[in-house]
C-alpha atoms as a PDB file:
ATOM      1  CA  MET A   1       0.000   0.000   0.000  1.00  0.00           C
ATOM      2  CA  ASP A   2       2.471   2.606   1.192  1.00  0.00           C
ATOM      3  CA  GLU A   3       4.230   4.412  -1.638  1.00  0.00           C
ATOM      4  CA  VAL A   4       2.258   2.420  -4.200  1.00  0.00           C
ATOM      5  CA  LEU A   5      -1.396   3.170  -3.442  1.00  0.00           C
ATOM      6  CA  ALA A   6      -0.867   5.589  -0.554  1.00  0.00           C
ATOM      7  CA  ASP A   7       1.370   8.670  -0.767  1.00  0.00           C
ATOM      8  CA  THR A   8       3.020   8.136   2.603  1.00  0.00           C
ATOM      9  CA  ILE A   9       6.012  10.306   1.746  1.00  0.00           C
ATOM     10  CA  GLY A  10       3.632  13.132   0.839  1.00  0.00           C
ATOM     11  CA  LYS A  11       2.065  12.820   4.289  1.00  0.00           C
ATOM     12  CA  PHE A  12       5.489  12.867   5.958  1.00  0.00           C
ATOM     13  CA  ILE A  13       6.429  15.996   4.027  1.00  0.00           C
ATOM     14  CA  THR A  14       3.231  17.689   5.211  1.00  0.00           C
ATOM     15  CA  ILE A  15       3.746  16.619   8.843  1.00  0.00           C
ATOM     16  CA  TYR A  16       7.298  17.954   8.966  1.00  0.00           C
ATOM     17  CA  GLU A  17       6.278  21.242   7.382  1.00  0.00           C
ATOM     18  CA  GLN A  18       3.420  21.662   9.886  1.00  0.00           C
ATOM     19  CA  ARG A  19       5.060  20.400  13.070  1.00  0.00           C
ATOM     20  CA  HIS A  20       8.687  21.396  12.555  1.00  0.00           C
ATOM     21  CA  ASN A  21       8.576  24.127   9.888  1.00  0.00           C
ATOM     22  CA  THR A  22      10.981  21.904   7.951  1.00  0.00           C
ATOM     23  CA  LYS A  23      10.779  21.986   4.177  1.00  0.00           C
ATOM     24  CA  ILE A  24      11.600  18.691   2.514  1.00  0.00           C
ATOM     25  CA  GLY A  25      11.058  18.254  -1.189  1.00  0.00           C
ATOM     26  CA  ILE A  26      10.459  15.000  -3.000  1.00  0.00           C
ATOM     27  CA  ASN A  27      13.717  15.573  -4.919  1.00  0.00           C
ATOM     28  CA  ASP A  28      15.781  16.028  -1.733  1.00  0.00           C
ATOM     29  CA  PHE A  29      16.419  12.343  -1.174  1.00  0.00           C
ATOM     30  CA  PRO A  30      17.042  10.264  -4.266  1.00  0.00           C
ATOM     31  CA  GLY A  31      18.196   6.843  -3.105  1.00  0.00           C
ATOM     32  CA  LYS A  32      17.621   7.638   0.573  1.00  0.00           C
ATOM     33  CA  GLU A  33      14.971   6.796   3.142  1.00  0.00           C
ATOM     34  CA  PHE A  34      12.887   9.678   4.474  1.00  0.00           C
ATOM     35  CA  ASN A  35      14.493   9.578   7.906  1.00  0.00           C
ATOM     36  CA  GLU A  36      17.929  10.030   6.311  1.00  0.00           C
ATOM     37  CA  VAL A  37      17.043  13.517   5.066  1.00  0.00           C
ATOM     38  CA  LEU A  38      15.591  14.730   8.359  1.00  0.00           C
ATOM     39  CA  PRO A  39      17.741  16.960  10.530  1.00  0.00           C
ATOM     40  CA  GLU A  40      19.451  14.812  13.175  1.00  0.00           C
ATOM     41  CA  GLU A  41      17.672  16.514  16.079  1.00  0.00           C
ATOM     42  CA  ILE A  42      14.188  15.499  14.838  1.00  0.00           C
ATOM     43  CA  ARG A  43      15.007  12.189  13.168  1.00  0.00           C
ATOM     44  CA  HIS A  44      13.598  10.227  16.134  1.00  0.00           C
ATOM     45  CA  THR A  45      10.135  11.736  15.577  1.00  0.00           C
ATOM     46  CA  LEU A  46       9.470   9.725  12.406  1.00  0.00           C
ATOM     47  CA  ARG A  47       8.822   6.525  14.376  1.00  0.00           C
ATOM     48  CA  GLU A  48       6.661   8.470  16.826  1.00  0.00           C
ATOM     49  CA  TYR A  49       4.475   9.937  14.073  1.00  0.00           C
ATOM     50  CA  ILE A  50       4.024   6.689  12.178  1.00  0.00           C
ATOM     51  CA  ASN A  51       2.890   5.031  15.419  1.00  0.00           C
ATOM     52  CA  GLU A  52       0.248   7.663  16.170  1.00  0.00           C
ATOM     53  CA  PRO A  53      -3.370   6.456  16.074  1.00  0.00           C
ATOM     54  CA  GLY A  54      -4.875   7.404  12.723  1.00  0.00           C
ATOM     55  CA  PHE A  55      -1.579   8.098  10.945  1.00  0.00           C
ATOM     56  CA  PHE A  56      -2.488   5.731   8.105  1.00  0.00           C
ATOM     57  CA  ARG A  57      -6.132   6.824   7.910  1.00  0.00           C
ATOM     58  CA  ASP A  58      -5.754  10.079   5.969  1.00  0.00           C
ATOM     59  CA  ILE A  59      -2.790   9.469   3.687  1.00  0.00           C
ATOM     60  CA  PRO A  60      -3.427  10.846   0.187  1.00  0.00           C
ATOM     61  CA  VAL A  61      -4.081   8.344  -2.588  1.00  0.00           C
ATOM     62  CA  MET A  62      -1.368   8.143  -5.237  1.00  0.00           C
ATOM     63  CA  GLU A  63      -2.403  10.034  -8.335  1.00  0.00           C
ATOM     64  CA  GLY A  64      -4.279   7.864 -10.804  1.00  0.00           C
ATOM     65  CA  ALA A  65      -4.376   4.790  -8.547  1.00  0.00           C
ATOM     66  CA  ILE A  66      -8.144   4.480  -8.087  1.00  0.00           C
ATOM     67  CA  PRO A  67      -9.236   4.260 -11.742  1.00  0.00           C
ATOM     68  CA  VAL A  68      -6.351   1.992 -12.746  1.00  0.00           C
ATOM     69  CA  VAL A  69      -6.863  -0.382  -9.815  1.00  0.00           C
ATOM     70  CA  GLN A  70     -10.580  -0.438 -10.658  1.00  0.00           C
ATOM     71  CA  GLN A  71      -9.746  -1.481 -14.235  1.00  0.00           C
ATOM     72  CA  LEU A  72      -7.190  -4.040 -13.004  1.00  0.00           C
ATOM     73  CA  HIS A  73      -9.856  -5.411 -10.660  1.00  0.00           C
ATOM     74  CA  GLU A  74     -12.152  -5.941 -13.654  1.00  0.00           C
ATOM     75  CA  LYS A  75      -9.432  -7.852 -15.532  1.00  0.00           C
ATOM     76  CA  TYR A  76      -7.491  -9.630 -12.746  1.00  0.00           C
ATOM     77  CA  ASP A  77      -8.021 -11.065  -9.294  1.00  0.00           C
ATOM     78  CA  VAL A  78      -6.469  -8.123  -7.390  1.00  0.00           C
ATOM     79  CA  TYR A  79      -5.119  -8.474  -3.855  1.00  0.00           C
ATOM     80  CA  ILE A  80      -3.917  -5.638  -1.681  1.00  0.00           C
ATOM     81  CA  VAL A  81      -1.045  -6.876   0.478  1.00  0.00           C
ATOM     82  CA  SER A  82       0.415  -4.647   3.150  1.00  0.00           C
ATOM     83  CA  ALA A  83       3.077  -5.263   5.775  1.00  0.00           C
ATOM     84  CA  ALA A  84       0.787  -3.727   8.382  1.00  0.00           C
ATOM     85  CA  MET A  85       1.998  -5.592  11.450  1.00  0.00           C
ATOM     86  CA  GLU A  86       4.957  -3.332  12.220  1.00  0.00           C
ATOM     87  CA  PHE A  87       2.978  -0.314  13.392  1.00  0.00           C
ATOM     88  CA  LYS A  88       0.569  -0.562  16.311  1.00  0.00           C
ATOM     89  CA  TYR A  89      -2.419   1.289  14.857  1.00  0.00           C
ATOM     90  CA  SER A  90      -1.957   0.661  11.166  1.00  0.00           C
ATOM     91  CA  MET A  91      -4.272  -2.297  10.487  1.00  0.00           C
ATOM     92  CA  THR A  92      -7.581  -0.651  11.367  1.00  0.00           C
ATOM     93  CA  ALA A  93      -6.599   2.646   9.766  1.00  0.00           C
ATOM     94  CA  LYS A  94      -5.399   0.931   6.584  1.00  0.00           C
ATOM     95  CA  LEU A  95      -8.565  -1.145   6.319  1.00  0.00           C
ATOM     96  CA  GLU A  96     -10.748   1.957   6.748  1.00  0.00           C
ATOM     97  CA  TRP A  97      -8.601   3.797   4.171  1.00  0.00           C
ATOM     98  CA  LEU A  98      -8.950   0.939   1.676  1.00  0.00           C
ATOM     99  CA  ASN A  99     -12.716   0.728   2.251  1.00  0.00           C
ATOM    100  CA  GLU A 100     -13.024   4.447   1.576  1.00  0.00           C
ATOM    101  CA  HIS A 101     -10.815   4.713  -1.501  1.00  0.00           C
ATOM    102  CA  PHE A 102     -11.008   1.197  -3.000  1.00  0.00           C
ATOM    103  CA  PRO A 103     -14.465  -0.060  -1.957  1.00  0.00           C
ATOM    104  CA  PHE A 104     -14.572  -2.417  -4.952  1.00  0.00           C
ATOM    105  CA  ILE A 105     -11.770  -4.525  -3.397  1.00  0.00           C
ATOM    106  CA  SER A 106     -13.411  -7.130  -1.161  1.00  0.00           C
ATOM    107  CA  TRP A 107     -12.142  -7.665   2.364  1.00  0.00           C
ATOM    108  CA  THR A 108     -11.328 -11.202   1.200  1.00  0.00           C
ATOM    109  CA  ASN A 109      -8.687  -9.726  -1.121  1.00  0.00           C
ATOM    110  CA  ILE A 110      -6.917  -7.656   1.536  1.00  0.00           C
ATOM    111  CA  VAL A 111      -3.939  -9.264   3.259  1.00  0.00           C
ATOM    112  CA  PHE A 112      -2.185  -7.654   6.230  1.00  0.00           C
ATOM    113  CA  CYS A 113       1.035  -9.396   7.118  1.00  0.00           C
ATOM    114  CA  GLY A 114       4.578  -9.051   8.379  1.00  0.00           C
ATOM    115  CA  HIS A 115       6.520 -10.374   5.397  1.00  0.00           C
ATOM    116  CA  LYS A 116       4.857 -10.346   2.000  1.00  0.00           C
ATOM    117  CA  ILE A 117       5.020 -14.057   1.315  1.00  0.00           C
ATOM    118  CA  VAL A 118       2.327 -14.322  -1.320  1.00  0.00           C
ATOM    119  CA  ASP A 119       1.938 -16.630  -4.274  1.00  0.00           C
ATOM    120  CA  VAL A 120       0.543 -14.415  -7.013  1.00  0.00           C
ATOM    121  CA  ASP A 121       1.438 -13.804 -10.640  1.00  0.00           C
ATOM    122  CA  ILE A 122       2.362 -10.107 -10.449  1.00  0.00           C
ATOM    123  CA  MET A 123       3.541  -7.936  -7.560  1.00  0.00           C
ATOM    124  CA  ILE A 124       3.769  -4.157  -7.748  1.00  0.00           C
ATOM    125  CA  ASP A 125       5.827  -2.845  -4.844  1.00  0.00           C
ATOM    126  CA  ASP A 126       8.233  -0.067  -3.927  1.00  0.00           C
ATOM    127  CA  ARG A 127      10.396  -2.264  -1.685  1.00  0.00           C
ATOM    128  CA  VAL A 128      12.893  -4.624  -3.303  1.00  0.00           C
ATOM    129  CA  LYS A 129      12.983  -6.720  -0.109  1.00  0.00           C
ATOM    130  CA  ASN A 130       9.472  -7.914  -0.974  1.00  0.00           C
ATOM    131  CA  PHE A 131      10.712  -9.387  -4.253  1.00  0.00           C
ATOM    132  CA  ILE A 132      13.468 -11.567  -2.773  1.00  0.00           C
ATOM    133  CA  ASN A 133      11.492 -14.806  -2.403  1.00  0.00           C
ATOM    134  CA  PHE A 134       8.762 -13.871  -4.858  1.00  0.00           C
ATOM    135  CA  GLY A 135       8.577 -16.010  -7.998  1.00  0.00           C
ATOM    136  CA  GLY A 136       6.178 -13.976 -10.126  1.00  0.00           C
ATOM    137  CA  ARG A 137       6.526 -10.859 -12.242  1.00  0.00           C
ATOM    138  CA  LYS A 138       8.161  -8.109 -10.185  1.00  0.00           C
ATOM    139  CA  ILE A 139       7.214  -4.507 -10.958  1.00  0.00           C
ATOM    140  CA  LEU A 140       9.008  -1.821  -8.976  1.00  0.00           C
ATOM    141  CA  PHE A 141       6.905   1.276  -8.295  1.00  0.00           C
ATOM    142  CA  THR A 142       9.196   4.285  -8.220  1.00  0.00           C
ATOM    143  CA  SER A 143       9.788   5.963  -4.883  1.00  0.00           C
ATOM    144  CA  PRO A 144      12.704   8.202  -3.880  1.00  0.00           C
ATOM    145  CA  HIS A 145      14.351   5.430  -1.844  1.00  0.00           C
ATOM    146  CA  ASN A 146      14.511   3.021  -4.827  1.00  0.00           C
ATOM    147  CA  LEU A 147      15.718   5.363  -7.570  1.00  0.00           C
ATOM    148  CA  ALA A 148      19.152   3.712  -7.743  1.00  0.00           C
ATOM    149  CA  VAL A 149      17.685   0.209  -8.197  1.00  0.00           C
ATOM    150  CA  CYS A 150      17.965  -0.998 -11.795  1.00  0.00           C
ATOM    151  CA  ASP A 151      17.326  -4.739 -11.503  1.00  0.00           C
ATOM    152  CA  TYR A 152      13.542  -4.752 -11.948  1.00  0.00           C
ATOM    153  CA  GLU A 153      10.838  -3.758 -14.362  1.00  0.00           C
ATOM    154  CA  ARG A 154       9.850  -0.250 -13.229  1.00  0.00           C
ATOM    155  CA  VAL A 155       6.786   1.964 -13.322  1.00  0.00           C
ATOM    156  CA  ASN A 156       6.701   5.606 -12.270  1.00  0.00           C
ATOM    157  CA  THR A 157       2.963   6.246 -12.230  1.00  0.00           C
ATOM    158  CA  TRP A 158      -0.354   4.445 -12.181  1.00  0.00           C
ATOM    159  CA  GLU A 159      -0.846   5.539 -15.767  1.00  0.00           C
ATOM    160  CA  GLU A 160       2.234   3.485 -16.656  1.00  0.00           C
ATOM    161  CA  VAL A 161       0.841   0.523 -14.686  1.00  0.00           C
ATOM    162  CA  GLY A 162      -2.342   0.755 -16.762  1.00  0.00           C
ATOM    163  CA  LYS A 163      -0.417   0.831 -20.038  1.00  0.00           C
ATOM    164  CA  LEU A 164       1.651  -2.161 -18.930  1.00  0.00           C
ATOM    165  CA  LEU A 165      -1.099  -4.420 -17.590  1.00  0.00           C
ATOM    166  CA  LEU A 166      -4.390  -3.383 -19.188  1.00  0.00           C
END
């Protein structure tokens, strides 16, 4: 979900502008994790914010995701798989977020897990670690932290996903 369907980095940018008057641009961290571009004195706050109740509830949807996922849902058996176990309040918030923005995806096709050990034909993800033991088609969704990765088929937008799979 995060950085594929949900613009989590966009939410972090907004939080740090509002709470710390810190301007961070999407182009400030090619190849780095968000916490690596934070000033040292506030770096610890990232974990605090992501563990706040409701953090995952109001993340913006990635541009173009809803109509393309709707079309993919009509053509494929779509599953939403999220490593939601790491953060205390994420499961309920993520489920509510999915129900709001992707109501056409049945609860039976939503998988919250620790490691993404799924047996599907195609996986679209921003994290290379999720591809390690995955045997299907691997599509890397561009995010600032994975810009230096060249080993996978890549998409930059949901429009590109649609052109590739529809």
